[in-house]
Each structure stands twice: as structure tokens, then as C-alpha cells.
Amino acid sequence: MNEIALSGNLSQIELEINHHKQIAGQSIWEIGRRLKHVKENDLTHGQFSDWVERQGIHIREAQRMMKIANEPPNTTMLSHLGATALHLIATLPEEEK
């Protein structure tokens, strides 16, 4: 396997980490949108859990991503938070957000 060499520059590594955090947050939101769409439009009752598992996603993780997708996209928030933090924010009562 060809491994890509990482920079020896700490500032560059920090930029790369932040870039990948942004991509990860946006991806979680987008996956959640698509899961919601499939659940609401494409499958009959009871089929969703099996379908999600066939996609290699545990049902609890799918539920978290769909909950995150209920929130309007906020690229600043998505870029600075990981999946666990996004889930915690999505489950906060509205008055605490």
C-alpha cells in the first residue's frame, strides 16, 4: 500500500485536520438527508432497518445521522464538530441550542 507522506509542518497538519473535519461534518449531514429520504419515500414500513444494515450502517448510527439532518445546514458548525458532538447538539431541547 502506498502511504502518502504527511507534512512535517504543524500549521499545515492543523489546516489538513480542519479540512477533513469539515468534510466529515458535511458528509454526516448529507448521509442523514439521504437516509431520511429513503425512509420516508422509498421503503415500506419495516424495511428500513434491514436496508440500512445492508448499507453497512448500524440503525442507531442511521438514526443519529437523520437527527442531525433535521437541523438546517450550518457549515461553520459542521466543520468544527465531530459526529458525537453533532448528535448531542441535535438532541438538545430547542431552547438550549
PDB file of N, CA and C in Angstrom:
ATOM      1  N   MET A   1       0.849  -1.176   0.000  1.00  0.00           N
ATOM      2  CA  MET A   1       0.000   0.000   0.000  1.00  0.00           C
ATOM      3  C   MET A   1       0.889   1.231   0.000  1.00  0.00           C
ATOM      4  N   ASN A   2       0.594   2.165  -0.865  1.00  0.00           N
ATOM      5  CA  ASN A   2       1.367   3.400  -0.937  1.00  0.00           C
ATOM      6  C   ASN A   2       0.816   4.399   0.064  1.00  0.00           C
ATOM      7  N   GLU A   3       1.618   4.720   1.034  1.00  0.00           N
ATOM      8  CA  GLU A   3       1.198   5.660   2.061  1.00  0.00           C
ATOM      9  C   GLU A   3       1.663   7.054   1.674  1.00  0.00           C
ATOM     10  N   ILE A   4       0.763   8.015   1.778  1.00  0.00           N
ATOM     11  CA  ILE A   4       1.096   9.399   1.464  1.00  0.00           C
ATOM     12  C   ILE A   4       1.848   9.993   2.643  1.00  0.00           C
ATOM     13  N   ALA A   5       2.981  10.597   2.367  1.00  0.00           N
ATOM     14  CA  ALA A   5       3.783  11.222   3.426  1.00  0.00           C
ATOM     15  C   ALA A   5       3.059  12.454   3.952  1.00  0.00           C
ATOM     16  N   LEU A   6       3.084  12.605   5.258  1.00  0.00           N
ATOM     17  CA  LEU A   6       2.469  13.771   5.889  1.00  0.00           C
ATOM     18  C   LEU A   6       3.496  14.878   6.026  1.00  0.00           C
ATOM     19  N   SER A   7       2.999  16.076   6.068  1.00  0.00           N
ATOM     20  CA  SER A   7       3.859  17.242   6.214  1.00  0.00           C
ATOM     21  C   SER A   7       4.547  17.227   7.575  1.00  0.00           C
ATOM     22  N   GLY A   8       5.719  17.806   7.645  1.00  0.00           N
ATOM     23  CA  GLY A   8       6.409  17.994   8.913  1.00  0.00           C
ATOM     24  C   GLY A   8       6.070  19.338   9.528  1.00  0.00           C
ATOM     25  N   ASN A   9       5.222  20.103   8.844  1.00  0.00           N
ATOM     26  CA  ASN A   9       4.844  21.443   9.270  1.00  0.00           C
ATOM     27  C   ASN A   9       3.556  21.362  10.091  1.00  0.00           C
ATOM     28  N   LEU A  10       3.629  21.731  11.365  1.00  0.00           N
ATOM     29  CA  LEU A  10       2.478  21.637  12.263  1.00  0.00           C
ATOM     30  C   LEU A  10       1.301  22.470  11.764  1.00  0.00           C
ATOM     31  N   SER A  11       1.555  23.664  11.274  1.00  0.00           N
ATOM     32  CA  SER A  11       0.467  24.514  10.769  1.00  0.00           C
ATOM     33  C   SER A  11      -0.241  23.850   9.597  1.00  0.00           C
ATOM     34  N   GLN A  12       0.517  23.226   8.729  1.00  0.00           N
ATOM     35  CA  GLN A  12      -0.071  22.525   7.580  1.00  0.00           C
ATOM     36  C   GLN A  12      -0.929  21.353   8.048  1.00  0.00           C
ATOM     37  N   ILE A  13      -0.440  20.613   9.023  1.00  0.00           N
ATOM     38  CA  ILE A  13      -1.209  19.485   9.553  1.00  0.00           C
ATOM     39  C   ILE A  13      -2.504  19.979  10.190  1.00  0.00           C
ATOM     40  N   GLU A  14      -2.460  21.097  10.914  1.00  0.00           N
ATOM     41  CA  GLU A  14      -3.668  21.664  11.516  1.00  0.00           C
ATOM     42  C   GLU A  14      -4.678  22.042  10.439  1.00  0.00           C
ATOM     43  N   LEU A  15      -4.216  22.651   9.357  1.00  0.00           N
ATOM     44  CA  LEU A  15      -5.107  23.002   8.243  1.00  0.00           C
ATOM     45  C   LEU A  15      -5.749  21.751   7.645  1.00  0.00           C
ATOM     46  N   GLU A  16      -4.947  20.718   7.475  1.00  0.00           N
ATOM     47  CA  GLU A  16      -5.461  19.475   6.901  1.00  0.00           C
ATOM     48  C   GLU A  16      -6.487  18.818   7.817  1.00  0.00           C
ATOM     49  N   ILE A  17      -6.227  18.821   9.111  1.00  0.00           N
ATOM     50  CA  ILE A  17      -7.180  18.253  10.071  1.00  0.00           C
ATOM     51  C   ILE A  17      -8.499  19.011  10.005  1.00  0.00           C
ATOM     52  N   ASN A  18      -8.442  20.334  10.015  1.00  0.00           N
ATOM     53  CA  ASN A  18      -9.669  21.130   9.952  1.00  0.00           C
ATOM     54  C   ASN A  18     -10.421  20.894   8.649  1.00  0.00           C
ATOM     55  N   HIS A  19      -9.691  20.747   7.567  1.00  0.00           N
ATOM     56  CA  HIS A  19     -10.320  20.462   6.277  1.00  0.00           C
ATOM     57  C   HIS A  19     -11.073  19.132   6.336  1.00  0.00           C
ATOM     58  N   HIS A  20     -10.442  18.120   6.886  1.00  0.00           N
ATOM     59  CA  HIS A  20     -11.085  16.806   6.958  1.00  0.00           C
ATOM     60  C   HIS A  20     -12.244  16.792   7.954  1.00  0.00           C
ATOM     61  N   LYS A  21     -12.164  17.578   9.022  1.00  0.00           N
ATOM     62  CA  LYS A  21     -13.296  17.704   9.950  1.00  0.00           C
ATOM     63  C   LYS A  21     -14.492  18.310   9.231  1.00  0.00           C
ATOM     64  N   GLN A  22     -14.240  19.314   8.397  1.00  0.00           N
ATOM     65  CA  GLN A  22     -15.318  19.954   7.651  1.00  0.00           C
ATOM     66  C   GLN A  22     -15.974  18.951   6.707  1.00  0.00           C
ATOM     67  N   ILE A  23     -15.167  18.211   5.996  1.00  0.00           N
ATOM     68  CA  ILE A  23     -15.703  17.207   5.079  1.00  0.00           C
ATOM     69  C   ILE A  23     -16.522  16.167   5.844  1.00  0.00           C
ATOM     70  N   ALA A  24     -16.012  15.726   6.995  1.00  0.00           N
ATOM     71  CA  ALA A  24     -16.710  14.710   7.790  1.00  0.00           C
ATOM     72  C   ALA A  24     -18.067  15.220   8.261  1.00  0.00           C
ATOM     73  N   GLY A  25     -18.111  16.439   8.780  1.00  0.00           N
ATOM     74  CA  GLY A  25     -19.373  17.003   9.258  1.00  0.00           C
ATOM     75  C   GLY A  25     -20.386  17.149   8.143  1.00  0.00           C
ATOM     76  N   GLN A  26     -19.954  17.643   7.001  1.00  0.00           N
ATOM     77  CA  GLN A  26     -20.853  17.796   5.862  1.00  0.00           C
ATOM     78  C   GLN A  26     -21.338  16.438   5.371  1.00  0.00           C
ATOM     79  N   SER A  27     -20.459  15.459   5.374  1.00  0.00           N
ATOM     80  CA  SER A  27     -20.834  14.117   4.923  1.00  0.00           C
ATOM     81  C   SER A  27     -21.883  13.496   5.838  1.00  0.00           C
ATOM     82  N   ILE A  28     -21.730  13.664   7.136  1.00  0.00           N
ATOM     83  CA  ILE A  28     -22.706  13.124   8.084  1.00  0.00           C
ATOM     84  C   ILE A  28     -24.075  13.730   7.818  1.00  0.00           C
ATOM     85  N   TRP A  29     -24.124  15.044   7.616  1.00  0.00           N
ATOM     86  CA  TRP A  29     -25.393  15.730   7.354  1.00  0.00           C
ATOM     87  C   TRP A  29     -26.006  15.228   6.045  1.00  0.00           C
ATOM     88  N   GLU A  30     -25.193  15.099   5.002  1.00  0.00           N
ATOM     89  CA  GLU A  30     -25.682  14.642   3.697  1.00  0.00           C
ATOM     90  C   GLU A  30     -26.157  13.189   3.747  1.00  0.00           C
ATOM     91  N   ILE A  31     -25.438  12.330   4.446  1.00  0.00           N
ATOM     92  CA  ILE A  31     -25.870  10.936   4.584  1.00  0.00           C
ATOM     93  C   ILE A  31     -27.205  10.894   5.321  1.00  0.00           C
ATOM     94  N   GLY A  32     -27.336  11.680   6.369  1.00  0.00           N
ATOM     95  CA  GLY A  32     -28.594  11.746   7.109  1.00  0.00           C
ATOM     96  C   GLY A  32     -29.758  12.178   6.239  1.00  0.00           C
ATOM     97  N   ARG A  33     -29.531  13.160   5.376  1.00  0.00           N
ATOM     98  CA  ARG A  33     -30.581  13.612   4.442  1.00  0.00           C
ATOM     99  C   ARG A  33     -31.030  12.470   3.549  1.00  0.00           C
ATOM    100  N   ARG A  34     -30.065  11.739   3.032  1.00  0.00           N
ATOM    101  CA  ARG A  34     -30.388  10.641   2.122  1.00  0.00           C
ATOM    102  C   ARG A  34     -31.086   9.487   2.844  1.00  0.00           C
ATOM    103  N   LEU A  35     -30.653   9.191   4.051  1.00  0.00           N
ATOM    104  CA  LEU A  35     -31.322   8.154   4.829  1.00  0.00           C
ATOM    105  C   LEU A  35     -32.774   8.535   5.099  1.00  0.00           C
ATOM    106  N   LYS A  36     -33.002   9.787   5.488  1.00  0.00           N
ATOM    107  CA  LYS A  36     -34.372  10.263   5.726  1.00  0.00           C
ATOM    108  C   LYS A  36     -35.217  10.121   4.469  1.00  0.00           C
ATOM    109  N   HIS A  37     -34.646  10.504   3.333  1.00  0.00           N
ATOM    110  CA  HIS A  37     -35.381  10.430   2.071  1.00  0.00           C
ATOM    111  C   HIS A  37     -35.800   8.989   1.777  1.00  0.00           C
ATOM    112  N   VAL A  38     -34.866   8.060   1.906  1.00  0.00           N
ATOM    113  CA  VAL A  38     -35.175   6.650   1.647  1.00  0.00           C
ATOM    114  C   VAL A  38     -36.245   6.162   2.613  1.00  0.00           C
ATOM    115  N   LYS A  39     -36.092   6.487   3.882  1.00  0.00           N
ATOM    116  CA  LYS A  39     -37.052   6.026   4.889  1.00  0.00           C
ATOM    117  C   LYS A  39     -38.451   6.567   4.602  1.00  0.00           C
ATOM    118  N   GLU A  40     -38.530   7.835   4.201  1.00  0.00           N
ATOM    119  CA  GLU A  40     -39.825   8.481   4.002  1.00  0.00           C
ATOM    120  C   GLU A  40     -40.446   8.208   2.636  1.00  0.00           C
ATOM    121  N   ASN A  41     -39.636   7.862   1.635  1.00  0.00           N
ATOM    122  CA  ASN A  41     -40.159   7.802   0.272  1.00  0.00           C
ATOM    123  C   ASN A  41     -39.996   6.477  -0.455  1.00  0.00           C
ATOM    124  N   ASP A  42     -39.036   5.676  -0.072  1.00  0.00           N
ATOM    125  CA  ASP A  42     -38.695   4.542  -0.924  1.00  0.00           C
ATOM    126  C   ASP A  42     -38.983   3.163  -0.349  1.00  0.00           C
ATOM    127  N   LEU A  43     -39.171   3.047   0.938  1.00  0.00           N
ATOM    128  CA  LEU A  43     -39.347   1.729   1.544  1.00  0.00           C
ATOM    129  C   LEU A  43     -40.660   1.659   2.306  1.00  0.00           C
ATOM    130  N   THR A  44     -41.229   0.465   2.361  1.00  0.00           N
ATOM    131  CA  THR A  44     -42.438   0.288   3.149  1.00  0.00           C
ATOM    132  C   THR A  44     -42.055   0.106   4.616  1.00  0.00           C
ATOM    133  N   HIS A  45     -43.045   0.230   5.479  1.00  0.00           N
ATOM    134  CA  HIS A  45     -42.811   0.127   6.920  1.00  0.00           C
ATOM    135  C   HIS A  45     -42.116  -1.193   7.251  1.00  0.00           C
ATOM    136  N   GLY A  46     -41.058  -1.109   8.039  1.00  0.00           N
ATOM    137  CA  GLY A  46     -40.339  -2.292   8.480  1.00  0.00           C
ATOM    138  C   GLY A  46     -39.145  -2.680   7.619  1.00  0.00           C
ATOM    139  N   GLN A  47     -39.006  -2.091   6.440  1.00  0.00           N
ATOM    140  CA  GLN A  47     -37.893  -2.438   5.560  1.00  0.00           C
ATOM    141  C   GLN A  47     -36.640  -1.612   5.824  1.00  0.00           C
ATOM    142  N   PHE A  48     -36.802  -0.467   6.439  1.00  0.00           N
ATOM    143  CA  PHE A  48     -35.691   0.476   6.564  1.00  0.00           C
ATOM    144  C   PHE A  48     -34.519  -0.096   7.356  1.00  0.00           C
ATOM    145  N   SER A  49     -34.777  -0.704   8.493  1.00  0.00           N
ATOM    146  CA  SER A  49     -33.686  -1.234   9.329  1.00  0.00           C
ATOM    147  C   SER A  49     -32.839  -2.245   8.576  1.00  0.00           C
ATOM    148  N   ASP A  50     -33.496  -3.152   7.878  1.00  0.00           N
ATOM    149  CA  ASP A  50     -32.743  -4.151   7.106  1.00  0.00           C
ATOM    150  C   ASP A  50     -31.935  -3.487   5.998  1.00  0.00           C
ATOM    151  N   TRP A  51     -32.545  -2.532   5.310  1.00  0.00           N
ATOM    152  CA  TRP A  51     -31.855  -1.831   4.227  1.00  0.00           C
ATOM    153  C   TRP A  51     -30.623  -1.093   4.754  1.00  0.00           C
ATOM    154  N   VAL A  52     -30.782  -0.396   5.883  1.00  0.00           N
ATOM    155  CA  VAL A  52     -29.665   0.348   6.480  1.00  0.00           C
ATOM    156  C   VAL A  52     -28.528  -0.602   6.834  1.00  0.00           C
ATOM    157  N   GLU A  53     -28.849  -1.715   7.452  1.00  0.00           N
ATOM    158  CA  GLU A  53     -27.820  -2.692   7.820  1.00  0.00           C
ATOM    159  C   GLU A  53     -27.092  -3.218   6.580  1.00  0.00           C
ATOM    160  N   ARG A  54     -27.819  -3.401   5.472  1.00  0.00           N
ATOM    161  CA  ARG A  54     -27.167  -3.850   4.233  1.00  0.00           C
ATOM    162  C   ARG A  54     -26.215  -2.794   3.681  1.00  0.00           C
ATOM    163  N   GLN A  55     -26.414  -1.540   4.067  1.00  0.00           N
ATOM    164  CA  GLN A  55     -25.513  -0.467   3.641  1.00  0.00           C
ATOM    165  C   GLN A  55     -24.277  -0.393   4.535  1.00  0.00           C
ATOM    166  N   GLY A  56     -24.232  -1.244   5.558  1.00  0.00           N
ATOM    167  CA  GLY A  56     -23.089  -1.246   6.470  1.00  0.00           C
ATOM    168  C   GLY A  56     -23.187  -0.186   7.551  1.00  0.00           C
ATOM    169  N   ILE A  57     -24.416   0.260   7.835  1.00  0.00           N
ATOM    170  CA  ILE A  57     -24.651   1.293   8.850  1.00  0.00           C
ATOM    171  C   ILE A  57     -25.535   0.683   9.930  1.00  0.00           C
ATOM    172  N   HIS A  58     -25.128   0.800  11.180  1.00  0.00           N
ATOM    173  CA  HIS A  58     -25.971   0.340  12.284  1.00  0.00           C
ATOM    174  C   HIS A  58     -27.170   1.275  12.402  1.00  0.00           C
ATOM    175  N   ILE A  59     -28.305   0.733  12.770  1.00  0.00           N
ATOM    176  CA  ILE A  59     -29.539   1.519  12.817  1.00  0.00           C
ATOM    177  C   ILE A  59     -29.426   2.714  13.757  1.00  0.00           C
ATOM    178  N   ARG A  60     -28.753   2.563  14.898  1.00  0.00           N
ATOM    179  CA  ARG A  60     -28.602   3.701  15.826  1.00  0.00           C
ATOM    180  C   ARG A  60     -27.798   4.824  15.173  1.00  0.00           C
ATOM    181  N   GLU A  61     -26.756   4.462  14.430  1.00  0.00           N
ATOM    182  CA  GLU A  61     -25.960   5.476  13.737  1.00  0.00           C
ATOM    183  C   GLU A  61     -26.804   6.163  12.665  1.00  0.00           C
ATOM    184  N   ALA A  62     -27.623   5.403  11.959  1.00  0.00           N
ATOM    185  CA  ALA A  62     -28.511   5.988  10.950  1.00  0.00           C
ATOM    186  C   ALA A  62     -29.487   6.962  11.608  1.00  0.00           C
ATOM    187  N   GLN A  63     -30.023   6.578  12.766  1.00  0.00           N
ATOM    188  CA  GLN A  63     -30.946   7.460  13.476  1.00  0.00           C
ATOM    189  C   GLN A  63     -30.254   8.753  13.894  1.00  0.00           C
ATOM    190  N   ARG A  64     -29.010   8.656  14.342  1.00  0.00           N
ATOM    191  CA  ARG A  64     -28.259   9.861  14.722  1.00  0.00           C
ATOM    192  C   ARG A  64     -28.053  10.771  13.513  1.00  0.00           C
ATOM    193  N   MET A  65     -27.651  10.179  12.395  1.00  0.00           N
ATOM    194  CA  MET A  65     -27.407  10.993  11.199  1.00  0.00           C
ATOM    195  C   MET A  65     -28.691  11.651  10.704  1.00  0.00           C
ATOM    196  N   MET A  66     -29.814  10.945  10.784  1.00  0.00           N
ATOM    197  CA  MET A  66     -31.083  11.545  10.369  1.00  0.00           C
ATOM    198  C   MET A  66     -31.479  12.679  11.306  1.00  0.00           C
ATOM    199  N   LYS A  67     -31.201  12.519  12.583  1.00  0.00           N
ATOM    200  CA  LYS A  67     -31.497  13.579  13.552  1.00  0.00           C
ATOM    201  C   LYS A  67     -30.656  14.812  13.248  1.00  0.00           C
ATOM    202  N   ILE A  68     -29.388  14.609  12.927  1.00  0.00           N
ATOM    203  CA  ILE A  68     -28.507  15.717  12.555  1.00  0.00           C
ATOM    204  C   ILE A  68     -29.036  16.400  11.301  1.00  0.00           C
ATOM    205  N   ALA A  69     -29.530  15.613  10.353  1.00  0.00           N
ATOM    206  CA  ALA A  69     -30.038  16.171   9.098  1.00  0.00           C
ATOM    207  C   ALA A  69     -31.308  16.987   9.297  1.00  0.00           C
ATOM    208  N   ASN A  70     -31.983  16.826  10.431  1.00  0.00           N
ATOM    209  CA  ASN A  70     -33.166  17.640  10.718  1.00  0.00           C
ATOM    210  C   ASN A  70     -32.802  19.095  10.969  1.00  0.00           C
ATOM    211  N   GLU A  71     -31.550  19.328  11.324  1.00  0.00           N
ATOM    212  CA  GLU A  71     -31.089  20.688  11.589  1.00  0.00           C
ATOM    213  C   GLU A  71     -30.704  21.358  10.273  1.00  0.00           C
ATOM    214  N   PRO A  72     -30.950  22.668  10.159  1.00  0.00           N
ATOM    215  CA  PRO A  72     -30.514  23.360   8.944  1.00  0.00           C
ATOM    216  C   PRO A  72     -28.996  23.263   8.814  1.00  0.00           C
ATOM    217  N   PRO A  73     -28.497  23.167   7.582  1.00  0.00           N
ATOM    218  CA  PRO A  73     -27.041  23.066   7.418  1.00  0.00           C
ATOM    219  C   PRO A  73     -26.355  24.338   7.879  1.00  0.00           C
ATOM    220  N   ASN A  74     -25.424  24.191   8.760  1.00  0.00           N
ATOM    221  CA  ASN A  74     -24.627  25.310   9.253  1.00  0.00           C
ATOM    222  C   ASN A  74     -23.183  24.892   9.036  1.00  0.00           C
ATOM    223  N   THR A  75     -22.582  25.388   7.962  1.00  0.00           N
ATOM    224  CA  THR A  75     -21.253  24.913   7.596  1.00  0.00           C
ATOM    225  C   THR A  75     -20.222  25.204   8.665  1.00  0.00           C
ATOM    226  N   THR A  76     -20.385  26.273   9.421  1.00  0.00           N
ATOM    227  CA  THR A  76     -19.442  26.557  10.498  1.00  0.00           C
ATOM    228  C   THR A  76     -19.524  25.469  11.553  1.00  0.00           C
ATOM    229  N   MET A  77     -20.744  25.122  11.950  1.00  0.00           N
ATOM    230  CA  MET A  77     -20.928  24.077  12.952  1.00  0.00           C
ATOM    231  C   MET A  77     -20.427  22.738  12.414  1.00  0.00           C
ATOM    232  N   LEU A  78     -20.803  22.398  11.186  1.00  0.00           N
ATOM    233  CA  LEU A  78     -20.414  21.113  10.617  1.00  0.00           C
ATOM    234  C   LEU A  78     -18.913  20.974  10.500  1.00  0.00           C
ATOM    235  N   SER A  79     -18.233  22.078  10.269  1.00  0.00           N
ATOM    236  CA  SER A  79     -16.793  21.999  10.038  1.00  0.00           C
ATOM    237  C   SER A  79     -15.991  21.870  11.322  1.00  0.00           C
ATOM    238  N   HIS A  80     -16.560  22.215  12.455  1.00  0.00           N
ATOM    239  CA  HIS A  80     -15.793  22.214  13.695  1.00  0.00           C
ATOM    240  C   HIS A  80     -16.155  21.090  14.657  1.00  0.00           C
ATOM    241  N   LEU A  81     -17.188  20.341  14.340  1.00  0.00           N
ATOM    242  CA  LEU A  81     -17.650  19.323  15.275  1.00  0.00           C
ATOM    243  C   LEU A  81     -17.612  17.939  14.656  1.00  0.00           C
ATOM    244  N   GLY A  82     -17.327  16.967  15.463  1.00  0.00           N
ATOM    245  CA  GLY A  82     -17.363  15.587  15.010  1.00  0.00           C
ATOM    246  C   GLY A  82     -18.759  15.013  15.137  1.00  0.00           C
ATOM    247  N   ALA A  83     -18.895  13.753  14.778  1.00  0.00           N
ATOM    248  CA  ALA A  83     -20.198  13.099  14.758  1.00  0.00           C
ATOM    249  C   ALA A  83     -20.855  13.070  16.132  1.00  0.00           C
ATOM    250  N   THR A  84     -20.111  12.781  17.168  1.00  0.00           N
ATOM    251  CA  THR A  84     -20.689  12.699  18.508  1.00  0.00           C
ATOM    252  C   THR A  84     -21.233  14.044  18.949  1.00  0.00           C
ATOM    253  N   ALA A  85     -20.462  15.101  18.736  1.00  0.00           N
ATOM    254  CA  ALA A  85     -20.915  16.439  19.123  1.00  0.00           C
ATOM    255  C   ALA A  85     -22.131  16.857  18.304  1.00  0.00           C
ATOM    256  N   LEU A  86     -22.148  16.549  17.006  1.00  0.00           N
ATOM    257  CA  LEU A  86     -23.307  16.881  16.180  1.00  0.00           C
ATOM    258  C   LEU A  86     -24.550  16.171  16.701  1.00  0.00           C
ATOM    259  N   HIS A  87     -24.408  14.912  17.091  1.00  0.00           N
ATOM    260  CA  HIS A  87     -25.552  14.174  17.630  1.00  0.00           C
ATOM    261  C   HIS A  87     -26.038  14.801  18.932  1.00  0.00           C
ATOM    262  N   LEU A  88     -25.112  15.158  19.804  1.00  0.00           N
ATOM    263  CA  LEU A  88     -25.501  15.776  21.076  1.00  0.00           C
ATOM    264  C   LEU A  88     -26.250  17.077  20.843  1.00  0.00           C
ATOM    265  N   ILE A  89     -25.787  17.883  19.910  1.00  0.00           N
ATOM    266  CA  ILE A  89     -26.466  19.141  19.596  1.00  0.00           C
ATOM    267  C   ILE A  89     -27.853  18.867  19.029  1.00  0.00           C
ATOM    268  N   ALA A  90     -27.952  17.887  18.149  1.00  0.00           N
ATOM    269  CA  ALA A  90     -29.239  17.575  17.532  1.00  0.00           C
ATOM    270  C   ALA A  90     -30.261  17.107  18.555  1.00  0.00           C
ATOM    271  N   THR A  91     -29.817  16.529  19.670  1.00  0.00           N
ATOM    272  CA  THR A  91     -30.747  16.010  20.668  1.00  0.00           C
ATOM    273  C   THR A  91     -31.034  16.996  21.798  1.00  0.00           C
ATOM    274  N   LEU A  92     -30.404  18.158  21.763  1.00  0.00           N
ATOM    275  CA  LEU A  92     -30.683  19.174  22.782  1.00  0.00           C
ATOM    276  C   LEU A  92     -32.094  19.720  22.609  1.00  0.00           C
ATOM    277  N   PRO A  93     -32.758  20.075  23.703  1.00  0.00           N
ATOM    278  CA  PRO A  93     -34.035  20.773  23.579  1.00  0.00           C
ATOM    279  C   PRO A  93     -33.823  22.092  22.829  1.00  0.00           C
ATOM    280  N   GLU A  94     -34.815  22.514  22.080  1.00  0.00           N
ATOM    281  CA  GLU A  94     -34.699  23.698  21.221  1.00  0.00           C
ATOM    282  C   GLU A  94     -34.224  24.933  21.982  1.00  0.00           C
ATOM    283  N   GLU A  95     -34.697  25.123  23.212  1.00  0.00           N
ATOM    284  CA  GLU A  95     -34.327  26.321  23.979  1.00  0.00           C
ATOM    285  C   GLU A  95     -32.866  26.315  24.429  1.00  0.00           C
ATOM    286  N   GLU A  96     -32.204  25.160  24.377  1.00  0.00           N
ATOM    287  CA  GLU A  96     -30.806  25.072  24.800  1.00  0.00           C
ATOM    288  C   GLU A  96     -29.821  25.169  23.644  1.00  0.00           C
ATOM    289  N   LYS A  97     -30.315  25.198  22.416  1.00  0.00           N
ATOM    290  CA  LYS A  97     -29.422  25.248  21.246  1.00  0.00           C
ATOM    291  C   LYS A  97     -28.882  26.641  21.049  1.00  0.00           C
TER     292      LYS A  97
END
